[in-house]
Amino acid sequence: MSIRNNRTIDLFVQEGSDTGRRERVFLAWYRQQLKAMIPPLIEQYEAAIGVQVAEWGIKKMKTRWGTCTIEARRIWLNLELAKKQVQCLEYIIVHEIVHLLERHHTDRFAELMKRFMPPWRLYREELNRAPLCHETWVY
């Protein structure tokens, strides 16, 4: 894989590779990019918010950008976040970590979000402008 410019990524696979193979290579590359970006963001916000994430993972989700299992202190992040600007990934990480303090989207939740990431609503709007399943993959 190589990034040619802000709009084009060149994908190199063996000649004759089918769509499924091209998709697997592309998704693996996206996953690799996220795996490099996520740990420092989690560490930063664990310290700022004062909670610990026990485990995190990346998976393809059809309807959510992220999810949190409070009891296990585990967060899942959508692989689609690899296509978004880093601030959107950061927003989802903060959102899920804040759920470790406040389970529901209450006024307290909004206040905590504002405290730890003041422009959080801008990133939520950005994600809502291009919701999940909106974009198509071209391999």
N, C-alpha and C. Protein backbone atom coordinates (compact mmCIF):
# COMPACT_ATOMS: atom_id res chain seq x y z
N MET A 1 0.84 -1.17 0.00
CA MET A 1 0.00 0.00 0.00
C MET A 1 0.89 1.23 0.00
N SER A 2 0.47 2.22 -0.73
CA SER A 2 1.14 3.52 -0.65
C SER A 2 0.09 4.61 -0.83
N ILE A 3 0.30 5.69 -0.11
CA ILE A 3 -0.61 6.82 -0.18
C ILE A 3 -0.02 7.80 -1.19
N ARG A 4 -0.77 8.01 -2.27
CA ARG A 4 -0.29 8.90 -3.33
C ARG A 4 -0.60 10.35 -2.99
N ASN A 5 -1.80 10.62 -2.53
CA ASN A 5 -2.23 11.97 -2.15
C ASN A 5 -3.39 11.82 -1.18
N ASN A 6 -4.08 12.89 -0.87
CA ASN A 6 -5.17 12.83 0.10
C ASN A 6 -6.39 12.07 -0.40
N ARG A 7 -6.41 11.71 -1.66
CA ARG A 7 -7.59 11.06 -2.21
C ARG A 7 -7.32 9.68 -2.82
N THR A 8 -6.04 9.30 -2.93
CA THR A 8 -5.72 8.06 -3.62
C THR A 8 -4.74 7.21 -2.81
N ILE A 9 -5.08 5.95 -2.63
CA ILE A 9 -4.19 4.97 -2.03
C ILE A 9 -3.98 3.90 -3.08
N ASP A 10 -2.72 3.60 -3.35
CA ASP A 10 -2.41 2.54 -4.31
C ASP A 10 -2.31 1.22 -3.55
N LEU A 11 -3.02 0.22 -4.04
CA LEU A 11 -3.06 -1.10 -3.43
C LEU A 11 -2.30 -2.06 -4.33
N PHE A 12 -1.29 -2.72 -3.77
CA PHE A 12 -0.49 -3.66 -4.54
C PHE A 12 -0.78 -5.07 -4.05
N VAL A 13 -1.32 -5.90 -4.95
CA VAL A 13 -1.59 -7.30 -4.65
C VAL A 13 -1.10 -8.14 -5.83
N GLN A 14 -1.04 -9.44 -5.62
CA GLN A 14 -0.61 -10.31 -6.70
C GLN A 14 -1.57 -10.22 -7.87
N GLU A 15 -1.02 -10.30 -9.05
CA GLU A 15 -1.83 -10.29 -10.26
C GLU A 15 -2.87 -11.41 -10.17
N GLY A 16 -4.08 -11.07 -10.56
CA GLY A 16 -5.16 -12.05 -10.54
C GLY A 16 -5.90 -12.13 -9.21
N SER A 17 -5.51 -11.31 -8.24
CA SER A 17 -6.20 -11.33 -6.95
C SER A 17 -7.65 -10.92 -7.14
N ASP A 18 -8.53 -11.65 -6.51
CA ASP A 18 -9.95 -11.34 -6.63
C ASP A 18 -10.34 -10.21 -5.66
N THR A 19 -11.56 -9.77 -5.76
CA THR A 19 -12.05 -8.67 -4.92
C THR A 19 -11.92 -8.99 -3.45
N GLY A 20 -12.21 -10.22 -3.07
CA GLY A 20 -12.10 -10.63 -1.67
C GLY A 20 -10.68 -10.48 -1.14
N ARG A 21 -9.70 -10.86 -1.92
CA ARG A 21 -8.30 -10.73 -1.51
C ARG A 21 -7.91 -9.27 -1.39
N ARG A 22 -8.31 -8.45 -2.35
CA ARG A 22 -8.01 -7.01 -2.29
C ARG A 22 -8.65 -6.38 -1.06
N GLU A 23 -9.87 -6.78 -0.76
CA GLU A 23 -10.55 -6.26 0.43
C GLU A 23 -9.81 -6.64 1.70
N ARG A 24 -9.39 -7.90 1.83
CA ARG A 24 -8.68 -8.34 3.02
C ARG A 24 -7.37 -7.57 3.22
N VAL A 25 -6.64 -7.33 2.15
CA VAL A 25 -5.39 -6.57 2.24
C VAL A 25 -5.67 -5.14 2.69
N PHE A 26 -6.68 -4.54 2.10
CA PHE A 26 -7.02 -3.16 2.42
C PHE A 26 -7.47 -3.03 3.88
N LEU A 27 -8.34 -3.94 4.33
CA LEU A 27 -8.84 -3.88 5.71
C LEU A 27 -7.72 -4.14 6.71
N ALA A 28 -6.80 -5.02 6.37
CA ALA A 28 -5.65 -5.28 7.25
C ALA A 28 -4.80 -4.02 7.38
N TRP A 29 -4.63 -3.30 6.28
CA TRP A 29 -3.86 -2.06 6.32
C TRP A 29 -4.56 -1.02 7.20
N TYR A 30 -5.87 -0.86 7.04
CA TYR A 30 -6.64 0.06 7.88
C TYR A 30 -6.49 -0.32 9.35
N ARG A 31 -6.61 -1.60 9.65
CA ARG A 31 -6.51 -2.08 11.03
C ARG A 31 -5.12 -1.75 11.60
N GLN A 32 -4.09 -1.95 10.80
CA GLN A 32 -2.72 -1.65 11.22
C GLN A 32 -2.57 -0.16 11.54
N GLN A 33 -3.16 0.69 10.71
CA GLN A 33 -3.09 2.14 10.95
C GLN A 33 -3.75 2.49 12.28
N LEU A 34 -4.93 1.95 12.52
CA LEU A 34 -5.64 2.23 13.77
C LEU A 34 -4.88 1.70 14.98
N LYS A 35 -4.34 0.50 14.87
CA LYS A 35 -3.61 -0.09 16.00
C LYS A 35 -2.42 0.76 16.42
N ALA A 36 -1.86 1.50 15.51
CA ALA A 36 -0.77 2.40 15.85
C ALA A 36 -1.26 3.69 16.49
N MET A 37 -2.44 4.13 16.12
CA MET A 37 -2.96 5.41 16.59
C MET A 37 -3.69 5.32 17.94
N ILE A 38 -4.31 4.20 18.23
CA ILE A 38 -5.19 4.08 19.38
C ILE A 38 -4.46 4.10 20.73
N PRO A 39 -3.41 3.31 20.96
CA PRO A 39 -2.82 3.27 22.31
C PRO A 39 -2.42 4.61 22.91
N PRO A 40 -1.75 5.50 22.16
CA PRO A 40 -1.41 6.78 22.80
C PRO A 40 -2.63 7.62 23.16
N LEU A 41 -3.68 7.52 22.36
CA LEU A 41 -4.91 8.28 22.67
C LEU A 41 -5.58 7.71 23.92
N ILE A 42 -5.65 6.39 24.03
CA ILE A 42 -6.24 5.79 25.23
C ILE A 42 -5.42 6.18 26.46
N GLU A 43 -4.11 6.08 26.37
CA GLU A 43 -3.25 6.45 27.51
C GLU A 43 -3.45 7.90 27.92
N GLN A 44 -3.52 8.77 26.93
CA GLN A 44 -3.72 10.20 27.21
C GLN A 44 -5.02 10.44 27.97
N TYR A 45 -6.09 9.82 27.53
CA TYR A 45 -7.38 10.09 28.15
C TYR A 45 -7.63 9.27 29.40
N GLU A 46 -6.98 8.12 29.55
CA GLU A 46 -7.05 7.41 30.83
C GLU A 46 -6.49 8.32 31.92
N ALA A 47 -5.35 8.94 31.64
CA ALA A 47 -4.72 9.82 32.62
C ALA A 47 -5.58 11.06 32.89
N ALA A 48 -6.10 11.65 31.84
CA ALA A 48 -6.90 12.88 31.99
C ALA A 48 -8.22 12.61 32.72
N ILE A 49 -8.86 11.50 32.39
CA ILE A 49 -10.19 11.21 32.93
C ILE A 49 -10.09 10.47 34.27
N GLY A 50 -9.00 9.76 34.47
CA GLY A 50 -8.80 9.07 35.73
C GLY A 50 -9.44 7.69 35.79
N VAL A 51 -9.52 7.03 34.66
CA VAL A 51 -10.05 5.67 34.61
C VAL A 51 -9.11 4.81 33.77
N GLN A 52 -9.23 3.51 33.92
CA GLN A 52 -8.40 2.58 33.17
C GLN A 52 -9.26 1.73 32.23
N VAL A 53 -8.83 1.62 31.00
CA VAL A 53 -9.45 0.72 30.03
C VAL A 53 -8.70 -0.61 30.16
N ALA A 54 -9.42 -1.67 30.45
CA ALA A 54 -8.78 -2.97 30.63
C ALA A 54 -8.38 -3.59 29.29
N GLU A 55 -9.19 -3.33 28.28
CA GLU A 55 -8.98 -3.96 26.98
C GLU A 55 -9.64 -3.13 25.91
N TRP A 56 -9.09 -3.15 24.71
CA TRP A 56 -9.71 -2.47 23.58
C TRP A 56 -9.50 -3.32 22.34
N GLY A 57 -10.38 -3.08 21.36
CA GLY A 57 -10.26 -3.81 20.12
C GLY A 57 -10.88 -3.04 18.97
N ILE A 58 -10.67 -3.57 17.79
CA ILE A 58 -11.17 -2.96 16.56
C ILE A 58 -12.02 -4.01 15.87
N LYS A 59 -13.20 -3.62 15.41
CA LYS A 59 -14.01 -4.53 14.61
C LYS A 59 -14.91 -3.74 13.68
N LYS A 60 -15.37 -4.43 12.65
CA LYS A 60 -16.32 -3.81 11.74
C LYS A 60 -17.69 -3.83 12.40
N MET A 61 -18.31 -2.67 12.48
CA MET A 61 -19.64 -2.56 13.05
C MET A 61 -20.52 -1.82 12.06
N LYS A 62 -21.74 -2.25 11.94
CA LYS A 62 -22.64 -1.65 10.95
C LYS A 62 -23.35 -0.40 11.47
N THR A 63 -23.57 -0.30 12.77
CA THR A 63 -24.41 0.79 13.27
C THR A 63 -23.76 1.67 14.33
N ARG A 64 -22.55 1.36 14.77
CA ARG A 64 -21.93 2.13 15.85
C ARG A 64 -20.48 2.47 15.49
N TRP A 65 -20.05 3.63 15.97
CA TRP A 65 -18.65 4.03 15.82
C TRP A 65 -17.80 3.41 16.91
N GLY A 66 -18.40 3.12 18.04
CA GLY A 66 -17.70 2.52 19.15
C GLY A 66 -18.69 1.97 20.14
N THR A 67 -18.20 1.16 21.05
CA THR A 67 -19.05 0.61 22.10
C THR A 67 -18.19 0.34 23.33
N CYS A 68 -18.84 0.29 24.47
CA CYS A 68 -18.14 0.11 25.73
C CYS A 68 -18.87 -0.94 26.56
N THR A 69 -18.13 -1.90 27.06
CA THR A 69 -18.67 -2.86 28.02
C THR A 69 -18.14 -2.42 29.38
N ILE A 70 -19.00 -1.78 30.15
CA ILE A 70 -18.57 -1.12 31.38
C ILE A 70 -18.01 -2.11 32.39
N GLU A 71 -18.70 -3.22 32.59
CA GLU A 71 -18.26 -4.19 33.59
C GLU A 71 -16.86 -4.72 33.30
N ALA A 72 -16.57 -4.97 32.03
CA ALA A 72 -15.26 -5.50 31.63
C ALA A 72 -14.25 -4.38 31.36
N ARG A 73 -14.71 -3.13 31.34
CA ARG A 73 -13.88 -1.97 31.04
C ARG A 73 -13.21 -2.13 29.68
N ARG A 74 -14.00 -2.63 28.72
CA ARG A 74 -13.51 -2.91 27.37
C ARG A 74 -14.19 -1.96 26.39
N ILE A 75 -13.40 -1.42 25.47
CA ILE A 75 -13.99 -0.61 24.41
C ILE A 75 -13.66 -1.24 23.05
N TRP A 76 -14.62 -1.11 22.16
CA TRP A 76 -14.47 -1.55 20.78
C TRP A 76 -14.59 -0.32 19.90
N LEU A 77 -13.74 -0.25 18.89
CA LEU A 77 -13.76 0.87 17.96
C LEU A 77 -14.00 0.34 16.56
N ASN A 78 -14.80 1.06 15.80
CA ASN A 78 -15.17 0.63 14.46
C ASN A 78 -14.01 0.83 13.50
N LEU A 79 -13.75 -0.19 12.71
CA LEU A 79 -12.69 -0.14 11.70
C LEU A 79 -12.88 1.03 10.74
N GLU A 80 -14.12 1.43 10.51
CA GLU A 80 -14.41 2.55 9.61
C GLU A 80 -13.78 3.87 10.07
N LEU A 81 -13.42 3.95 11.36
CA LEU A 81 -12.78 5.17 11.86
C LEU A 81 -11.44 5.42 11.19
N ALA A 82 -10.86 4.41 10.59
CA ALA A 82 -9.59 4.59 9.87
C ALA A 82 -9.75 5.54 8.69
N LYS A 83 -10.97 5.70 8.19
CA LYS A 83 -11.23 6.60 7.06
C LYS A 83 -11.46 8.04 7.49
N LYS A 84 -11.57 8.26 8.77
CA LYS A 84 -11.93 9.58 9.29
C LYS A 84 -10.70 10.32 9.80
N GLN A 85 -10.85 11.62 9.99
CA GLN A 85 -9.76 12.40 10.56
C GLN A 85 -9.51 11.93 11.99
N VAL A 86 -8.28 12.07 12.45
CA VAL A 86 -7.88 11.55 13.74
C VAL A 86 -8.71 12.12 14.89
N GLN A 87 -9.20 13.34 14.74
CA GLN A 87 -10.02 13.93 15.80
C GLN A 87 -11.33 13.16 16.01
N CYS A 88 -11.84 12.55 14.95
CA CYS A 88 -13.05 11.74 15.09
C CYS A 88 -12.75 10.47 15.87
N LEU A 89 -11.61 9.85 15.60
CA LEU A 89 -11.18 8.68 16.38
C LEU A 89 -11.01 9.08 17.83
N GLU A 90 -10.35 10.20 18.06
CA GLU A 90 -10.13 10.69 19.42
C GLU A 90 -11.46 10.92 20.13
N TYR A 91 -12.42 11.53 19.44
CA TYR A 91 -13.74 11.77 20.02
C TYR A 91 -14.40 10.46 20.45
N ILE A 92 -14.35 9.44 19.61
CA ILE A 92 -14.98 8.17 19.95
C ILE A 92 -14.28 7.52 21.14
N ILE A 93 -12.97 7.62 21.19
CA ILE A 93 -12.23 7.07 22.33
C ILE A 93 -12.65 7.78 23.62
N VAL A 94 -12.70 9.10 23.59
CA VAL A 94 -13.12 9.86 24.78
C VAL A 94 -14.54 9.49 25.15
N HIS A 95 -15.43 9.43 24.17
CA HIS A 95 -16.83 9.07 24.38
C HIS A 95 -16.94 7.74 25.12
N GLU A 96 -16.23 6.74 24.63
CA GLU A 96 -16.33 5.41 25.24
C GLU A 96 -15.69 5.38 26.63
N ILE A 97 -14.58 6.09 26.82
CA ILE A 97 -13.95 6.13 28.15
C ILE A 97 -14.86 6.86 29.13
N VAL A 98 -15.51 7.93 28.71
CA VAL A 98 -16.42 8.66 29.60
C VAL A 98 -17.57 7.75 30.04
N HIS A 99 -17.95 6.80 29.19
CA HIS A 99 -18.99 5.84 29.61
C HIS A 99 -18.56 5.03 30.83
N LEU A 100 -17.27 4.92 31.10
CA LEU A 100 -16.82 4.23 32.30
C LEU A 100 -17.16 5.02 33.56
N LEU A 101 -17.44 6.31 33.39
CA LEU A 101 -17.87 7.16 34.51
C LEU A 101 -19.38 7.36 34.52
N GLU A 102 -19.97 7.40 33.36
CA GLU A 102 -21.42 7.66 33.23
C GLU A 102 -21.98 6.76 32.14
N ARG A 103 -22.80 5.81 32.53
CA ARG A 103 -23.32 4.79 31.61
C ARG A 103 -24.16 5.38 30.48
N HIS A 104 -25.02 6.32 30.79
CA HIS A 104 -25.99 6.82 29.81
C HIS A 104 -25.62 8.21 29.29
N HIS A 105 -26.27 8.61 28.23
CA HIS A 105 -26.03 9.93 27.63
C HIS A 105 -26.85 11.00 28.36
N THR A 106 -26.50 11.21 29.60
CA THR A 106 -27.20 12.17 30.47
C THR A 106 -26.55 13.54 30.35
N ASP A 107 -27.11 14.50 31.09
CA ASP A 107 -26.48 15.82 31.17
C ASP A 107 -25.08 15.71 31.77
N ARG A 108 -24.92 14.83 32.74
CA ARG A 108 -23.59 14.62 33.34
C ARG A 108 -22.60 14.10 32.29
N PHE A 109 -23.06 13.20 31.45
CA PHE A 109 -22.21 12.67 30.38
C PHE A 109 -21.75 13.82 29.48
N ALA A 110 -22.69 14.68 29.07
CA ALA A 110 -22.35 15.81 28.20
C ALA A 110 -21.37 16.75 28.88
N GLU A 111 -21.54 16.98 30.17
CA GLU A 111 -20.61 17.84 30.91
C GLU A 111 -19.21 17.23 30.99
N LEU A 112 -19.15 15.92 31.20
CA LEU A 112 -17.85 15.24 31.22
C LEU A 112 -17.17 15.32 29.85
N MET A 113 -17.95 15.12 28.80
CA MET A 113 -17.39 15.23 27.45
C MET A 113 -16.84 16.64 27.23
N LYS A 114 -17.60 17.64 27.64
CA LYS A 114 -17.17 19.03 27.47
C LYS A 114 -15.89 19.30 28.25
N ARG A 115 -15.77 18.72 29.43
CA ARG A 115 -14.58 18.93 30.26
C ARG A 115 -13.33 18.31 29.61
N PHE A 116 -13.49 17.09 29.10
CA PHE A 116 -12.32 16.37 28.60
C PHE A 116 -12.03 16.60 27.11
N MET A 117 -13.05 17.04 26.36
CA MET A 117 -12.86 17.33 24.93
C MET A 117 -13.86 18.42 24.54
N PRO A 118 -13.52 19.67 24.81
CA PRO A 118 -14.48 20.76 24.59
C PRO A 118 -15.16 20.79 23.22
N PRO A 119 -14.47 20.54 22.10
CA PRO A 119 -15.18 20.62 20.81
C PRO A 119 -15.82 19.29 20.37
N TRP A 120 -16.16 18.42 21.31
CA TRP A 120 -16.65 17.08 20.96
C TRP A 120 -17.85 17.10 20.03
N ARG A 121 -18.72 18.09 20.17
CA ARG A 121 -19.93 18.13 19.32
C ARG A 121 -19.57 18.32 17.84
N LEU A 122 -18.49 19.03 17.55
CA LEU A 122 -18.06 19.20 16.16
C LEU A 122 -17.69 17.87 15.53
N TYR A 123 -17.00 17.02 16.28
CA TYR A 123 -16.60 15.72 15.75
C TYR A 123 -17.79 14.77 15.63
N ARG A 124 -18.72 14.88 16.56
CA ARG A 124 -19.95 14.09 16.45
C ARG A 124 -20.71 14.49 15.18
N GLU A 125 -20.79 15.77 14.91
CA GLU A 125 -21.46 16.25 13.70
C GLU A 125 -20.75 15.76 12.44
N GLU A 126 -19.42 15.77 12.47
CA GLU A 126 -18.64 15.28 11.34
C GLU A 126 -18.97 13.82 11.06
N LEU A 127 -19.02 13.00 12.09
CA LEU A 127 -19.35 11.59 11.90
C LEU A 127 -20.80 11.42 11.43
N ASN A 128 -21.68 12.26 11.90
CA ASN A 128 -23.09 12.17 11.48
C ASN A 128 -23.31 12.62 10.04
N ARG A 129 -22.40 13.46 9.52
CA ARG A 129 -22.52 13.90 8.12
C ARG A 129 -22.29 12.75 7.15
N ALA A 130 -21.45 11.81 7.52
CA ALA A 130 -21.18 10.64 6.67
C ALA A 130 -21.36 9.40 7.55
N PRO A 131 -22.61 9.04 7.82
CA PRO A 131 -22.87 7.95 8.75
C PRO A 131 -22.37 6.61 8.22
N LEU A 132 -22.35 5.65 9.11
CA LEU A 132 -21.91 4.30 8.74
C LEU A 132 -22.74 3.77 7.59
N CYS A 133 -22.10 2.97 6.77
CA CYS A 133 -22.70 2.36 5.58
C CYS A 133 -22.99 3.38 4.50
N HIS A 134 -22.55 4.62 4.69
CA HIS A 134 -22.77 5.67 3.70
C HIS A 134 -21.76 5.55 2.56
N GLU A 135 -20.51 5.28 2.94
CA GLU A 135 -19.46 5.20 1.95
C GLU A 135 -19.38 3.80 1.38
N THR A 136 -18.90 3.72 0.17
CA THR A 136 -18.71 2.41 -0.44
C THR A 136 -17.23 2.13 -0.58
N TRP A 137 -16.88 0.89 -0.48
CA TRP A 137 -15.50 0.47 -0.65
C TRP A 137 -15.28 0.16 -2.12
N VAL A 138 -14.20 0.64 -2.69
CA VAL A 138 -13.84 0.33 -4.06
C VAL A 138 -12.46 -0.32 -4.01
N TYR A 139 -12.38 -1.55 -4.51
CA TYR A 139 -11.10 -2.26 -4.46
C TYR A 139 -10.55 -2.43 -5.85
